[in-house]
N, C-alpha and C. Protein backbone atom coordinates (compact mmCIF):
# COMPACT_ATOMS: atom_id res chain seq x y z
N MET A 1 -35.98 -2.76 15.39
CA MET A 1 -35.13 -1.79 14.93
C MET A 1 -33.69 -1.26 15.46
N THR A 2 -33.69 -1.47 16.60
CA THR A 2 -32.17 -1.10 17.13
C THR A 2 -31.21 -1.97 17.37
N ASP A 3 -31.85 -3.15 17.11
CA ASP A 3 -30.88 -4.73 17.11
C ASP A 3 -30.26 -4.68 15.68
N SER A 4 -31.24 -4.13 14.67
CA SER A 4 -30.57 -4.55 13.18
C SER A 4 -29.35 -3.11 13.00
N ILE A 5 -29.85 -2.14 13.76
CA ILE A 5 -28.58 -1.12 13.77
C ILE A 5 -27.57 -1.33 14.57
N ALA A 6 -27.67 -2.20 15.66
CA ALA A 6 -26.46 -2.56 16.18
C ALA A 6 -25.62 -3.89 15.36
N GLU A 7 -26.45 -4.60 14.83
CA GLU A 7 -25.88 -5.68 14.48
C GLU A 7 -25.00 -4.95 13.03
N GLY A 8 -25.77 -4.12 12.48
CA GLY A 8 -24.94 -3.21 11.24
C GLY A 8 -23.75 -2.76 11.81
N ALA A 9 -23.61 -1.99 12.81
CA ALA A 9 -22.72 -1.42 13.23
C ALA A 9 -21.49 -2.39 13.40
N ILE A 10 -21.85 -3.73 14.18
CA ILE A 10 -20.78 -4.64 14.94
C ILE A 10 -20.34 -5.30 13.43
N ASP A 11 -20.89 -5.52 11.99
CA ASP A 11 -20.69 -5.81 10.82
C ASP A 11 -19.63 -4.81 10.15
N PHE A 12 -19.69 -3.44 10.34
CA PHE A 12 -18.89 -2.44 9.88
C PHE A 12 -17.82 -2.33 10.79
N LEU A 13 -17.85 -2.63 12.18
CA LEU A 13 -16.58 -2.80 12.71
C LEU A 13 -15.87 -3.80 12.46
N GLY A 14 -16.44 -5.10 12.14
CA GLY A 14 -15.63 -6.08 11.62
C GLY A 14 -14.77 -6.02 10.20
N ASN A 15 -15.40 -5.02 9.34
CA ASN A 15 -15.29 -4.98 7.80
C ASN A 15 -13.99 -4.02 8.07
N ALA A 16 -14.09 -2.78 8.82
CA ALA A 16 -13.27 -1.33 9.23
C ALA A 16 -11.98 -1.63 8.49
N PRO A 17 -10.96 -2.92 8.96
CA PRO A 17 -10.14 -2.95 8.66
C PRO A 17 -9.83 -2.95 7.10
N TYR A 18 -10.80 -3.67 6.44
CA TYR A 18 -10.49 -3.88 5.05
C TYR A 18 -10.72 -2.56 4.28
N VAL A 19 -12.03 -1.58 4.89
CA VAL A 19 -12.10 -0.42 4.21
C VAL A 19 -10.73 0.42 4.48
N VAL A 20 -10.22 0.36 5.66
CA VAL A 20 -9.27 1.25 5.78
C VAL A 20 -7.97 0.94 4.57
N VAL A 21 -7.99 -0.47 4.50
CA VAL A 21 -6.82 -0.95 3.63
C VAL A 21 -7.34 -0.70 2.27
N ALA A 22 -8.05 -0.48 1.99
CA ALA A 22 -9.11 -0.38 0.62
C ALA A 22 -8.87 1.37 0.17
N LEU A 23 -9.11 2.43 1.20
CA LEU A 23 -8.89 3.52 0.88
C LEU A 23 -7.49 3.85 0.89
N LEU A 24 -6.87 3.35 2.06
CA LEU A 24 -5.26 3.35 1.63
C LEU A 24 -4.75 3.34 0.28
N ALA A 25 -5.10 2.23 -0.23
CA ALA A 25 -4.30 1.49 -1.47
C ALA A 25 -5.11 2.21 -3.00
N MET A 26 -6.12 2.62 -2.64
CA MET A 26 -6.88 3.67 -3.74
C MET A 26 -6.26 5.12 -3.54
N GLY A 27 -5.91 5.70 -2.44
CA GLY A 27 -5.27 6.84 -1.99
C GLY A 27 -3.61 6.86 -2.87
N ALA A 28 -3.22 5.94 -3.03
CA ALA A 28 -1.82 5.62 -3.31
C ALA A 28 -2.08 5.62 -4.77
N LEU A 29 -2.83 4.93 -5.00
CA LEU A 29 -3.21 4.67 -6.93
C LEU A 29 -3.32 6.02 -7.15
N TYR A 30 -4.41 6.90 -6.51
CA TYR A 30 -4.51 7.93 -7.34
C TYR A 30 -3.10 8.96 -7.18
N SER A 31 -2.45 9.14 -6.05
CA SER A 31 -1.17 9.62 -5.86
C SER A 31 -0.44 9.20 -6.94
N MET A 32 -0.19 8.02 -7.32
CA MET A 32 0.74 7.55 -8.25
C MET A 32 0.42 7.99 -9.56
N LEU A 33 -0.80 8.17 -9.78
CA LEU A 33 -1.11 8.33 -11.24
C LEU A 33 -1.32 9.99 -11.52
N THR A 34 -1.15 10.68 -10.51
CA THR A 34 -1.42 12.19 -10.48
C THR A 34 -0.07 12.77 -10.39
N GLN A 35 0.71 12.27 -9.53
CA GLN A 35 2.17 13.12 -9.21
C GLN A 35 2.63 13.29 -10.35
N LYS A 36 3.63 14.03 -10.39
CA LYS A 36 4.62 14.74 -11.35
C LYS A 36 6.01 14.80 -11.08
N ASN A 37 6.24 14.25 -9.50
CA ASN A 37 7.66 14.18 -9.17
C ASN A 37 8.13 12.86 -8.42
N LEU A 38 9.08 12.32 -9.32
CA LEU A 38 9.43 11.21 -8.97
C LEU A 38 9.73 10.57 -7.54
N ILE A 39 9.86 11.29 -6.72
CA ILE A 39 10.22 10.78 -5.48
C ILE A 39 8.70 10.68 -4.56
N LYS A 40 7.98 11.57 -5.09
CA LYS A 40 6.56 11.19 -4.57
C LYS A 40 6.06 10.00 -5.35
N ILE A 41 5.89 9.79 -6.17
CA ILE A 41 5.65 8.51 -7.00
C ILE A 41 6.15 7.36 -6.36
N CYS A 42 7.68 7.32 -5.99
CA CYS A 42 8.18 6.14 -5.20
C CYS A 42 7.39 6.08 -3.67
N VAL A 43 7.31 6.81 -3.22
CA VAL A 43 6.61 6.40 -1.94
C VAL A 43 5.08 6.52 -2.11
N SER A 44 4.40 6.71 -3.12
CA SER A 44 3.24 6.45 -3.28
C SER A 44 3.27 4.90 -3.23
N THR A 45 4.22 4.60 -4.30
CA THR A 45 4.22 2.79 -4.39
C THR A 45 4.45 2.15 -3.44
N ALA A 46 5.42 2.56 -2.44
CA ALA A 46 5.14 2.21 -1.20
C ALA A 46 4.43 1.90 -0.07
N ILE A 47 3.49 2.98 -0.20
CA ILE A 47 2.54 3.02 0.13
C ILE A 47 1.70 1.91 -0.32
N LEU A 48 1.40 1.91 -1.73
CA LEU A 48 0.67 0.84 -2.08
C LEU A 48 1.09 -0.39 -1.70
N TRP A 49 2.14 -0.92 -1.66
CA TRP A 49 3.02 -2.12 -1.40
C TRP A 49 2.53 -2.59 0.05
N SER A 50 2.65 -1.43 0.87
CA SER A 50 2.14 -1.58 2.35
C SER A 50 0.57 -1.73 2.75
N SER A 51 -0.15 -1.16 1.79
CA SER A 51 -1.46 -1.56 1.73
C SER A 51 -1.70 -3.09 1.33
N ILE A 52 -0.72 -3.29 0.43
CA ILE A 52 -0.95 -5.03 0.15
C ILE A 52 -0.76 -5.98 1.12
N ASN A 53 0.44 -5.27 1.68
CA ASN A 53 1.14 -6.33 2.72
C ASN A 53 -0.06 -6.50 4.05
N MET A 54 -0.56 -5.17 4.27
CA MET A 54 -1.94 -5.18 5.07
C MET A 54 -3.11 -6.01 5.17
N PHE A 55 -3.25 -6.00 3.69
CA PHE A 55 -4.16 -6.81 3.10
C PHE A 55 -3.97 -8.47 3.58
N LEU A 56 -2.90 -8.82 3.09
CA LEU A 56 -2.59 -10.27 3.21
C LEU A 56 -2.44 -10.50 4.92
N ILE A 57 -2.02 -9.68 5.67
CA ILE A 57 -2.20 -9.74 7.00
C ILE A 57 -3.45 -10.22 7.25
N LEU A 58 -4.51 -9.30 6.95
CA LEU A 58 -6.07 -9.26 7.44
C LEU A 58 -6.33 -10.61 6.51
N LEU A 59 -6.22 -11.36 5.60
CA LEU A 59 -6.85 -12.49 5.19
C LEU A 59 -6.25 -13.63 6.02
N GLY A 60 -5.05 -13.53 6.58
CA GLY A 60 -4.68 -14.67 7.60
C GLY A 60 -5.14 -14.74 8.77
N TYR A 61 -5.80 -13.74 9.27
CA TYR A 61 -6.39 -13.45 10.65
C TYR A 61 -7.48 -14.13 10.46
N ARG A 62 -7.46 -15.29 11.93
CA ARG A 62 -9.21 -15.97 11.68
C ARG A 62 -9.53 -16.04 12.89
N ARG A 63 -10.52 -15.99 13.50
CA ARG A 63 -11.17 -16.03 14.89
C ARG A 63 -12.22 -17.08 15.11
N VAL A 64 -11.38 -17.85 16.01
CA VAL A 64 -12.31 -19.06 16.27
C VAL A 64 -13.12 -18.93 16.98
N GLU A 65 -12.61 -18.41 18.20
CA GLU A 65 -14.15 -18.51 18.74
C GLU A 65 -14.18 -17.09 19.43
N ALA A 66 -15.15 -16.87 20.51
CA ALA A 66 -15.43 -15.30 20.66
C ALA A 66 -14.45 -14.59 21.11
N GLN A 67 -13.34 -15.46 22.20
CA GLN A 67 -12.46 -14.57 22.85
C GLN A 67 -11.17 -14.93 22.13
N GLU A 68 -10.74 -16.00 21.10
CA GLU A 68 -9.60 -16.33 20.71
C GLU A 68 -9.43 -16.17 19.27
N SER A 69 -8.66 -15.78 18.73
CA SER A 69 -8.08 -15.60 17.63
C SER A 69 -6.62 -16.28 17.25
N ILE A 70 -6.47 -16.88 15.53
CA ILE A 70 -5.06 -17.41 15.28
C ILE A 70 -4.63 -16.51 14.21
N MET A 71 -3.47 -16.96 13.59
CA MET A 71 -3.23 -16.19 12.68
C MET A 71 -2.32 -17.05 11.87
N LEU A 72 -2.87 -17.33 10.58
CA LEU A 72 -2.53 -18.29 9.66
C LEU A 72 -1.04 -18.17 9.18
N PRO A 73 -0.44 -19.12 8.81
CA PRO A 73 1.32 -18.84 8.78
C PRO A 73 1.48 -18.30 7.25
N THR A 74 0.77 -18.77 6.52
CA THR A 74 1.01 -18.69 4.70
C THR A 74 1.02 -17.08 4.53
N PRO A 75 -0.11 -16.63 5.19
CA PRO A 75 -0.01 -14.86 4.56
C PRO A 75 0.96 -14.05 5.38
N GLN A 76 1.85 -14.76 6.61
CA GLN A 76 2.62 -14.13 7.02
C GLN A 76 4.31 -14.37 6.16
N PHE A 77 4.20 -15.59 5.49
CA PHE A 77 5.32 -15.83 4.81
C PHE A 77 5.24 -14.85 3.65
N LEU A 78 3.92 -14.64 2.76
CA LEU A 78 3.65 -13.83 1.76
C LEU A 78 4.08 -12.72 2.26
N THR A 79 3.74 -12.13 3.33
CA THR A 79 3.90 -10.76 3.90
C THR A 79 5.53 -10.35 3.76
N LEU A 80 6.06 -11.44 4.60
CA LEU A 80 7.56 -10.83 4.79
C LEU A 80 8.17 -10.86 3.47
N THR A 81 7.81 -11.79 2.32
CA THR A 81 8.62 -11.93 1.20
C THR A 81 7.90 -10.58 0.40
N GLY A 82 6.70 -10.23 0.46
CA GLY A 82 6.66 -8.78 0.17
C GLY A 82 7.19 -7.63 0.67
N ILE A 83 7.37 -7.39 1.98
CA ILE A 83 8.40 -6.49 2.57
C ILE A 83 9.40 -6.40 1.93
N VAL A 84 10.10 -7.64 1.98
CA VAL A 84 11.77 -7.53 1.44
C VAL A 84 11.25 -7.07 0.08
N THR A 85 10.42 -7.90 -1.00
CA THR A 85 10.70 -7.34 -2.00
C THR A 85 10.24 -5.86 -2.46
N ALA A 86 9.76 -5.20 -1.41
CA ALA A 86 8.93 -3.78 -1.77
C ALA A 86 10.17 -3.07 -1.26
N MET A 87 11.12 -3.37 -0.24
CA MET A 87 11.80 -2.51 0.19
C MET A 87 13.16 -2.56 -1.13
N ALA A 88 13.61 -3.69 -1.66
CA ALA A 88 14.27 -3.83 -2.71
C ALA A 88 13.83 -2.88 -3.91
N ALA A 89 12.53 -3.18 -4.38
CA ALA A 89 11.94 -2.55 -5.46
C ALA A 89 11.83 -0.53 -4.91
N THR A 90 11.51 -0.26 -3.99
CA THR A 90 11.77 1.08 -3.54
C THR A 90 13.24 1.71 -3.52
N ALA A 91 14.17 0.64 -2.97
CA ALA A 91 15.88 1.21 -3.24
C ALA A 91 15.92 1.81 -4.49
N LEU A 92 15.54 0.35 -5.58
CA LEU A 92 15.99 0.76 -6.82
C LEU A 92 15.48 1.97 -7.41
N MET A 93 14.39 1.95 -7.20
CA MET A 93 13.42 3.29 -7.95
C MET A 93 14.01 4.56 -7.20
N LEU A 94 14.32 4.55 -5.92
CA LEU A 94 14.68 5.73 -5.41
C LEU A 94 16.36 6.23 -5.99
N SER A 95 17.02 5.37 -6.31
CA SER A 95 18.62 5.04 -7.09
C SER A 95 18.45 5.47 -8.21
N LEU A 96 17.25 5.03 -9.18
CA LEU A 96 16.99 5.58 -10.53
C LEU A 96 16.92 7.02 -10.47
N ALA A 97 15.97 7.30 -9.52
CA ALA A 97 15.55 8.84 -9.48
C ALA A 97 16.39 9.75 -9.01
N ILE A 98 17.41 9.13 -8.34
CA ILE A 98 18.93 10.19 -7.88
C ILE A 98 19.64 10.05 -9.31
N LEU A 99 19.91 9.30 -10.12
CA LEU A 99 20.55 9.11 -11.24
C LEU A 99 19.87 10.16 -12.09
N ILE A 100 18.80 10.09 -12.51
CA ILE A 100 17.85 11.00 -13.11
C ILE A 100 18.04 12.31 -13.01
N ASN A 101 17.88 12.71 -11.60
CA ASN A 101 18.15 14.01 -11.12
C ASN A 101 19.33 14.40 -11.60
N LYS A 102 20.47 13.54 -11.09
CA LYS A 102 22.25 14.08 -11.37
C LYS A 102 22.06 14.09 -13.21
N HIS A 103 21.30 13.52 -13.97
CA HIS A 103 21.50 13.56 -15.51
C HIS A 103 20.96 14.77 -16.11
N TYR A 104 19.66 14.99 -15.65
CA TYR A 104 18.44 15.96 -15.94
C TYR A 104 18.41 16.94 -15.12
N GLY A 105 18.74 17.00 -13.80
CA GLY A 105 18.57 18.36 -12.85
C GLY A 105 17.34 18.42 -12.58
N THR A 106 16.51 17.41 -12.69
CA THR A 106 14.95 17.73 -12.32
C THR A 106 14.30 16.38 -12.23
N LEU A 107 13.20 16.26 -10.97
CA LEU A 107 12.77 15.17 -10.86
C LEU A 107 11.25 15.44 -11.48
N ASP A 108 10.68 16.56 -12.16
CA ASP A 108 9.51 16.66 -12.62
C ASP A 108 9.75 15.68 -13.96
N ILE A 109 8.49 14.75 -13.97
CA ILE A 109 8.46 13.79 -15.23
C ILE A 109 8.14 15.06 -16.45
N ASP A 110 7.21 15.83 -16.54
CA ASP A 110 7.15 16.49 -17.92
C ASP A 110 8.25 17.23 -18.17
N GLU A 111 9.19 17.87 -17.12
CA GLU A 111 10.26 18.47 -17.63
C GLU A 111 11.49 17.16 -18.23
N ILE A 112 11.50 16.25 -17.44
CA ILE A 112 12.36 15.06 -18.11
C ILE A 112 11.89 14.98 -19.63
N ARG A 113 10.54 14.72 -19.92
CA ARG A 113 10.36 13.99 -21.34
C ARG A 113 10.55 15.53 -22.18
N ARG A 114 10.42 16.56 -21.69
CA ARG A 114 10.90 17.63 -22.69
C ARG A 114 12.02 17.89 -22.69
N LEU A 115 12.89 17.58 -21.75
CA LEU A 115 14.49 17.46 -21.93
C LEU A 115 14.99 16.77 -23.02
N ARG A 116 14.31 15.23 -23.05
CA ARG A 116 14.79 14.09 -23.55
C ARG A 116 14.62 14.25 -25.00
N GLY A 117 13.60 15.09 -25.39
CA GLY A 117 13.17 15.10 -26.92
C GLY A 117 12.47 14.62 -27.27
């Protein structure tokens, strides 16, 4: 019985990074859908993109032997591209939030909808 518990603990520890990435992505999605402030939505989107990049890195990590591990190059390239794309999109979203704040005087989505008519 203790052997099966130990094996289960090892399996969980092997999957723990995937669980962390999934929890981070779910938290970011929940925050994106429930927040009313544009800046908080931008930050939630950046966290979601970071969790996607972490997932890509996890997919590229391979354990060859008990002591040795390798990292595949393709997920590294995809992650680098994702980081650059996420940075550009976050900068665009934040600049649009600044323009909306200048125009409407608020960052609250409900207030912007009400002022727009």
